[in-house]
Amino acid sequence: MHGTENPSSWIQRWSHLVKPAGVVLDVACGQGRHARWFHQQNHRLVLVDRSQAAIESIAIPADAREAVVADIENGPWPFAGRQFDAVVVTNYLWRPLMPTLLASLASGGVLLYETFAQGNETVGKPSRADFLLRPGELLDICQDLRVLAFEDGFDAGPDGQTPRFVQRIAAVRETQQPGNSAPPRYSLRSGARATPGSE
């Protein structure tokens, strides 16, 4: 079941961009591999998945998370009007939801997205075009965000993992800075924190 694997190395690499103790929305969270990672980094969590069993399997204290069982493809968005310091999505694609996910980013919020891309049909599943990103599609979707990192290609994966075609992005909804402020410094090295511009 989705969520039982180790946390994505992409998500781990760019998670330092999320502000300390920020609220992370994990979309289609499965059994919580990324929820556990962000919990270990002392973030508050909001989790959504359509599987009650998956949500119930996540071993994170109830006071550290808000968990919602919802069919986000066929039902209403359960977080209408809310914004988060990070939105995390892996191995999931539902294009009609993309505008909602972007609108769910607070000022300074980070989008960390990783899923299958065209070409994957030659190596395994998913293989339907509905579930595979077109070349550069995440760049197009994130054109109003500050893109810090993007990859689009073939990932042979470590030994024992299925090779796949994948697309990944790390992007920020930038906070408006006063005209004379220095630009924010988004570290490209994990373990560091982004620092806002200063006069």
C-alpha atoms as a PDB file:
ATOM      1  CA  MET A   1       0.000   0.000   0.000  1.00  0.00           C
ATOM      2  CA  HIS A   2       1.169   3.538  -0.780  1.00  0.00           C
ATOM      3  CA  GLY A   3       2.836   4.944   2.299  1.00  0.00           C
ATOM      4  CA  THR A   4       4.715   1.885   3.521  1.00  0.00           C
ATOM      5  CA  GLU A   5       7.933   2.748   1.671  1.00  0.00           C
ATOM      6  CA  ASN A   6      10.758   4.890   3.020  1.00  0.00           C
ATOM      7  CA  PRO A   7      10.231   8.647   2.711  1.00  0.00           C
ATOM      8  CA  SER A   8      11.049  10.014  -0.713  1.00  0.00           C
ATOM      9  CA  SER A   9      14.613  11.310  -0.924  1.00  0.00           C
ATOM     10  CA  TRP A  10      13.246  14.327  -2.831  1.00  0.00           C
ATOM     11  CA  ILE A  11      10.858  15.209  -0.010  1.00  0.00           C
ATOM     12  CA  GLN A  12      13.590  14.740   2.565  1.00  0.00           C
ATOM     13  CA  ARG A  13      16.025  16.859   0.572  1.00  0.00           C
ATOM     14  CA  TRP A  14      13.722  19.870   0.299  1.00  0.00           C
ATOM     15  CA  SER A  15      11.816  19.638   3.587  1.00  0.00           C
ATOM     16  CA  HIS A  16      14.212  22.181   5.125  1.00  0.00           C
ATOM     17  CA  LEU A  17      12.350  24.840   3.134  1.00  0.00           C
ATOM     18  CA  VAL A  18       9.283  24.457   5.372  1.00  0.00           C
ATOM     19  CA  LYS A  19       9.307  27.001   8.175  1.00  0.00           C
ATOM     20  CA  PRO A  20      10.001  25.631  11.668  1.00  0.00           C
ATOM     21  CA  ALA A  21       6.890  24.111  13.276  1.00  0.00           C
ATOM     22  CA  GLY A  22       4.944  24.900  10.109  1.00  0.00           C
ATOM     23  CA  VAL A  23       1.753  23.040   9.238  1.00  0.00           C
ATOM     24  CA  VAL A  24       2.237  20.418   6.519  1.00  0.00           C
ATOM     25  CA  LEU A  25      -0.664  19.124   4.428  1.00  0.00           C
ATOM     26  CA  ASP A  26       0.071  15.597   3.192  1.00  0.00           C
ATOM     27  CA  VAL A  27      -2.290  14.834   0.301  1.00  0.00           C
ATOM     28  CA  ALA A  28      -3.171  11.184  -0.420  1.00  0.00           C
ATOM     29  CA  CYS A  29      -0.945  10.370   2.537  1.00  0.00           C
ATOM     30  CA  GLY A  30      -1.342   6.588   2.402  1.00  0.00           C
ATOM     31  CA  GLN A  31       0.160   4.979   5.495  1.00  0.00           C
ATOM     32  CA  GLY A  32       2.069   8.107   6.369  1.00  0.00           C
ATOM     33  CA  ARG A  33       5.678   7.698   5.268  1.00  0.00           C
ATOM     34  CA  HIS A  34       6.008  11.466   4.831  1.00  0.00           C
ATOM     35  CA  ALA A  35       3.806  12.265   7.807  1.00  0.00           C
ATOM     36  CA  ARG A  36       6.264  10.372   9.996  1.00  0.00           C
ATOM     37  CA  TRP A  37       9.192  12.234   8.431  1.00  0.00           C
ATOM     38  CA  PHE A  38       7.661  15.668   9.036  1.00  0.00           C
ATOM     39  CA  HIS A  39       6.537  14.680  12.531  1.00  0.00           C
ATOM     40  CA  GLN A  40      10.180  13.866  13.316  1.00  0.00           C
ATOM     41  CA  GLN A  41      11.061  17.380  12.100  1.00  0.00           C
ATOM     42  CA  ASN A  42       8.557  18.837  14.619  1.00  0.00           C
ATOM     43  CA  HIS A  43       5.968  19.952  12.100  1.00  0.00           C
ATOM     44  CA  ARG A  44       2.249  19.891  12.698  1.00  0.00           C
ATOM     45  CA  LEU A  45       0.394  17.661  10.271  1.00  0.00           C
ATOM     46  CA  VAL A  46      -2.847  17.661   8.347  1.00  0.00           C
ATOM     47  CA  LEU A  47      -3.418  14.356   6.560  1.00  0.00           C
ATOM     48  CA  VAL A  48      -5.978  13.354   3.980  1.00  0.00           C
ATOM     49  CA  ASP A  49      -6.589  10.030   2.277  1.00  0.00           C
ATOM     50  CA  ARG A  50      -9.643   8.167   1.056  1.00  0.00           C
ATOM     51  CA  SER A  51      -8.646   5.029   2.962  1.00  0.00           C
ATOM     52  CA  GLN A  52      -9.825   4.848   6.563  1.00  0.00           C
ATOM     53  CA  ALA A  53      -7.496   1.887   7.147  1.00  0.00           C
ATOM     54  CA  ALA A  54      -4.494   3.830   5.898  1.00  0.00           C
ATOM     55  CA  ILE A  55      -5.260   6.825   8.098  1.00  0.00           C
ATOM     56  CA  GLU A  56      -5.795   4.604  11.140  1.00  0.00           C
ATOM     57  CA  SER A  57      -2.450   2.863  10.563  1.00  0.00           C
ATOM     58  CA  ILE A  58      -0.401   6.058  10.976  1.00  0.00           C
ATOM     59  CA  ALA A  59       1.365   5.865  14.324  1.00  0.00           C
ATOM     60  CA  ILE A  60       1.544   9.556  15.144  1.00  0.00           C
ATOM     61  CA  PRO A  61      -0.087  10.923  18.318  1.00  0.00           C
ATOM     62  CA  ALA A  62      -3.538  12.339  17.713  1.00  0.00           C
ATOM     63  CA  ASP A  63      -2.563  15.692  19.239  1.00  0.00           C
ATOM     64  CA  ALA A  64       0.175  16.103  16.593  1.00  0.00           C
ATOM     65  CA  ARG A  65      -2.045  15.572  13.572  1.00  0.00           C
ATOM     66  CA  GLU A  66      -5.401  16.263  12.030  1.00  0.00           C
ATOM     67  CA  ALA A  67      -6.482  13.301   9.917  1.00  0.00           C
ATOM     68  CA  VAL A  68      -9.350  13.414   7.441  1.00  0.00           C
ATOM     69  CA  VAL A  69     -10.818  10.552   5.432  1.00  0.00           C
ATOM     70  CA  ALA A  70     -12.155  12.019   2.191  1.00  0.00           C
ATOM     71  CA  ASP A  71     -12.541  11.211  -1.491  1.00  0.00           C
ATOM     72  CA  ILE A  72     -10.901  14.338  -2.872  1.00  0.00           C
ATOM     73  CA  GLU A  73     -11.629  13.354  -6.468  1.00  0.00           C
ATOM     74  CA  ASN A  74     -15.380  12.926  -6.139  1.00  0.00           C
ATOM     75  CA  GLY A  75     -16.263  14.934  -3.058  1.00  0.00           C
ATOM     76  CA  PRO A  76     -15.730  18.461  -1.752  1.00  0.00           C
ATOM     77  CA  TRP A  77     -12.274  19.650  -0.762  1.00  0.00           C
ATOM     78  CA  PRO A  78     -12.218  19.167   3.023  1.00  0.00           C
ATOM     79  CA  PHE A  79      -9.969  22.174   3.708  1.00  0.00           C
ATOM     80  CA  ALA A  80     -11.839  24.936   1.907  1.00  0.00           C
ATOM     81  CA  GLY A  81     -10.442  28.354   2.787  1.00  0.00           C
ATOM     82  CA  ARG A  82      -7.439  26.971   4.677  1.00  0.00           C
ATOM     83  CA  GLN A  83      -3.783  27.470   3.808  1.00  0.00           C
ATOM     84  CA  PHE A  84      -0.693  25.554   4.866  1.00  0.00           C
ATOM     85  CA  ASP A  85       3.030  26.102   5.213  1.00  0.00           C
ATOM     86  CA  ALA A  86       3.674  23.125   2.953  1.00  0.00           C
ATOM     87  CA  VAL A  87       1.681  20.923   0.607  1.00  0.00           C
ATOM     88  CA  VAL A  88       3.244  17.521  -0.032  1.00  0.00           C
ATOM     89  CA  VAL A  89       2.111  15.146  -2.785  1.00  0.00           C
ATOM     90  CA  THR A  90       3.819  11.968  -3.969  1.00  0.00           C
ATOM     91  CA  ASN A  91       2.755   9.224  -6.370  1.00  0.00           C
ATOM     92  CA  TYR A  92      -0.610  10.876  -6.903  1.00  0.00           C
ATOM     93  CA  LEU A  93      -2.061  12.923  -9.740  1.00  0.00           C
ATOM     94  CA  TRP A  94      -5.557  14.366 -10.098  1.00  0.00           C
ATOM     95  CA  ARG A  95      -5.274  17.348 -12.417  1.00  0.00           C
ATOM     96  CA  PRO A  96      -8.577  19.028 -11.466  1.00  0.00           C
ATOM     97  CA  LEU A  97      -7.206  19.392  -7.921  1.00  0.00           C
ATOM     98  CA  MET A  98      -4.080  21.322  -8.927  1.00  0.00           C
ATOM     99  CA  PRO A  99      -5.544  24.842  -8.614  1.00  0.00           C
ATOM    100  CA  THR A 100      -6.877  23.945  -5.168  1.00  0.00           C
ATOM    101  CA  LEU A 101      -3.490  22.672  -4.036  1.00  0.00           C
ATOM    102  CA  LEU A 102      -1.791  25.888  -5.170  1.00  0.00           C
ATOM    103  CA  ALA A 103      -4.463  27.982  -3.452  1.00  0.00           C
ATOM    104  CA  SER A 104      -3.780  26.007  -0.275  1.00  0.00           C
ATOM    105  CA  LEU A 105      -0.236  27.385  -0.015  1.00  0.00           C
ATOM    106  CA  ALA A 106       0.179  30.149   2.536  1.00  0.00           C
ATOM    107  CA  SER A 107       2.535  33.031   1.833  1.00  0.00           C
ATOM    108  CA  GLY A 108       5.999  31.521   2.111  1.00  0.00           C
ATOM    109  CA  GLY A 109       4.497  28.047   1.725  1.00  0.00           C
ATOM    110  CA  VAL A 110       6.329  25.250  -0.047  1.00  0.00           C
ATOM    111  CA  LEU A 111       4.979  22.824  -2.637  1.00  0.00           C
ATOM    112  CA  LEU A 112       6.838  19.505  -2.708  1.00  0.00           C
ATOM    113  CA  TYR A 113       5.479  17.322  -5.492  1.00  0.00           C
ATOM    114  CA  GLU A 114       6.767  14.081  -6.979  1.00  0.00           C
ATOM    115  CA  THR A 115       4.902  11.628  -9.183  1.00  0.00           C
ATOM    116  CA  PHE A 116       5.079   9.515 -12.299  1.00  0.00           C
ATOM    117  CA  ALA A 117       5.708  11.000 -15.722  1.00  0.00           C
ATOM    118  CA  GLN A 118       5.193  10.046 -19.343  1.00  0.00           C
ATOM    119  CA  GLY A 119       7.432   7.161 -20.282  1.00  0.00           C
ATOM    120  CA  ASN A 120       6.469   5.174 -17.211  1.00  0.00           C
ATOM    121  CA  GLU A 121       4.113   3.139 -19.360  1.00  0.00           C
ATOM    122  CA  THR A 122       7.237   1.489 -20.851  1.00  0.00           C
ATOM    123  CA  VAL A 123       8.498   0.183 -17.502  1.00  0.00           C
ATOM    124  CA  GLY A 124       5.397  -0.519 -15.406  1.00  0.00           C
ATOM    125  CA  LYS A 125       2.405   1.052 -13.726  1.00  0.00           C
ATOM    126  CA  PRO A 126       0.842   3.517 -13.640  1.00  0.00           C
ATOM    127  CA  SER A 127       0.641   3.474 -17.401  1.00  0.00           C
ATOM    128  CA  ARG A 128      -2.504   5.500 -18.195  1.00  0.00           C
ATOM    129  CA  ALA A 129      -1.932   9.048 -19.436  1.00  0.00           C
ATOM    130  CA  ASP A 130      -4.358  10.329 -16.777  1.00  0.00           C
ATOM    131  CA  PHE A 131      -1.786   9.408 -14.128  1.00  0.00           C
ATOM    132  CA  LEU A 132       1.385  10.495 -15.926  1.00  0.00           C
ATOM    133  CA  LEU A 133       2.680  14.054 -16.056  1.00  0.00           C
ATOM    134  CA  ARG A 134       3.483  15.486 -19.455  1.00  0.00           C
ATOM    135  CA  PRO A 135       7.031  16.807 -20.062  1.00  0.00           C
ATOM    136  CA  GLY A 136       7.491  19.979 -18.014  1.00  0.00           C
ATOM    137  CA  GLU A 137       3.898  19.896 -16.738  1.00  0.00           C
ATOM    138  CA  LEU A 138       4.788  20.718 -13.132  1.00  0.00           C
ATOM    139  CA  LEU A 139       6.765  23.741 -14.332  1.00  0.00           C
ATOM    140  CA  ASP A 140       3.683  24.999 -16.167  1.00  0.00           C
ATOM    141  CA  ILE A 141       1.477  24.417 -13.135  1.00  0.00           C
ATOM    142  CA  CYS A 142       3.914  26.262 -10.855  1.00  0.00           C
ATOM    143  CA  GLN A 143       4.579  29.245 -13.108  1.00  0.00           C
ATOM    144  CA  ASP A 144       3.348  31.671 -10.423  1.00  0.00           C
ATOM    145  CA  LEU A 145       5.614  30.164  -7.758  1.00  0.00           C
ATOM    146  CA  ARG A 146       9.362  30.465  -7.214  1.00  0.00           C
ATOM    147  CA  VAL A 147      10.726  27.159  -8.521  1.00  0.00           C
ATOM    148  CA  LEU A 148      13.849  26.121  -6.626  1.00  0.00           C
ATOM    149  CA  ALA A 149      14.322  22.644  -8.023  1.00  0.00           C
ATOM    150  CA  PHE A 150      12.834  20.551 -10.813  1.00  0.00           C
ATOM    151  CA  GLU A 151      13.602  17.159 -12.284  1.00  0.00           C
ATOM    152  CA  ASP A 152      11.929  15.330 -15.158  1.00  0.00           C
ATOM    153  CA  GLY A 153      13.374  12.046 -16.303  1.00  0.00           C
ATOM    154  CA  PHE A 154      14.158   8.397 -15.697  1.00  0.00           C
ATOM    155  CA  ASP A 155      15.010   7.148 -12.220  1.00  0.00           C
ATOM    156  CA  ALA A 156      16.605   3.692 -12.198  1.00  0.00           C
ATOM    157  CA  GLY A 157      16.220   3.683  -8.409  1.00  0.00           C
ATOM    158  CA  PRO A 158      18.319   1.802  -5.881  1.00  0.00           C
ATOM    159  CA  ASP A 159      18.661  -1.973  -6.050  1.00  0.00           C
ATOM    160  CA  GLY A 160      15.344  -3.702  -5.572  1.00  0.00           C
ATOM    161  CA  GLN A 161      13.192  -0.737  -6.587  1.00  0.00           C
ATOM    162  CA  THR A 162      11.257  -0.604  -9.817  1.00  0.00           C
ATOM    163  CA  PRO A 163      12.690   1.848 -12.370  1.00  0.00           C
ATOM    164  CA  ARG A 164      10.333   4.698 -13.186  1.00  0.00           C
ATOM    165  CA  PHE A 165       9.857   7.902 -15.086  1.00  0.00           C
ATOM    166  CA  VAL A 166       9.259  10.701 -12.614  1.00  0.00           C
ATOM    167  CA  GLN A 167       8.764  14.440 -12.338  1.00  0.00           C
ATOM    168  CA  ARG A 168       9.575  16.404  -9.170  1.00  0.00           C
ATOM    169  CA  ILE A 169       9.362  20.001  -8.072  1.00  0.00           C
ATOM    170  CA  ALA A 170      10.118  22.140  -5.039  1.00  0.00           C
ATOM    171  CA  ALA A 171       8.504  25.582  -5.274  1.00  0.00           C
ATOM    172  CA  VAL A 172       7.663  28.436  -2.917  1.00  0.00           C
ATOM    173  CA  ARG A 173       4.837  30.976  -2.821  1.00  0.00           C
ATOM    174  CA  GLU A 174       7.065  33.931  -2.082  1.00  0.00           C
ATOM    175  CA  THR A 175       6.250  36.417   0.630  1.00  0.00           C
ATOM    176  CA  GLN A 176       6.047  39.982  -0.590  1.00  0.00           C
ATOM    177  CA  GLN A 177       9.169  41.836   0.554  1.00  0.00           C
ATOM    178  CA  PRO A 178       9.523  45.604   0.984  1.00  0.00           C
ATOM    179  CA  GLY A 179      11.174  47.201  -2.011  1.00  0.00           C
ATOM    180  CA  ASN A 180      14.553  47.714  -0.331  1.00  0.00           C
ATOM    181  CA  SER A 181      14.787  44.249   1.241  1.00  0.00           C
ATOM    182  CA  ALA A 182      17.396  41.727   0.240  1.00  0.00           C
ATOM    183  CA  PRO A 183      15.975  38.688  -1.548  1.00  0.00           C
ATOM    184  CA  PRO A 184      15.238  35.593   0.509  1.00  0.00           C
ATOM    185  CA  ARG A 185      17.993  33.014   0.638  1.00  0.00           C
ATOM    186  CA  TYR A 186      16.626  29.594  -0.174  1.00  0.00           C
ATOM    187  CA  SER A 187      19.347  27.125   0.698  1.00  0.00           C
ATOM    188  CA  LEU A 188      19.925  24.426  -1.887  1.00  0.00           C
ATOM    189  CA  ARG A 189      21.409  22.187   0.784  1.00  0.00           C
ATOM    190  CA  SER A 190      19.250  20.109   3.078  1.00  0.00           C
ATOM    191  CA  GLY A 191      19.527  20.800   6.757  1.00  0.00           C
ATOM    192  CA  ALA A 192      19.592  24.563   6.264  1.00  0.00           C
ATOM    193  CA  ARG A 193      16.648  26.922   6.657  1.00  0.00           C
ATOM    194  CA  ALA A 194      15.472  29.589   4.255  1.00  0.00           C
ATOM    195  CA  THR A 195      16.120  33.055   5.633  1.00  0.00           C
ATOM    196  CA  PRO A 196      13.960  36.034   4.721  1.00  0.00           C
ATOM    197  CA  GLY A 197      15.514  39.061   3.141  1.00  0.00           C
ATOM    198  CA  SER A 198      16.706  41.797   5.469  1.00  0.00           C
ATOM    199  CA  GLU A 199      17.398  45.445   5.063  1.00  0.00           C
END
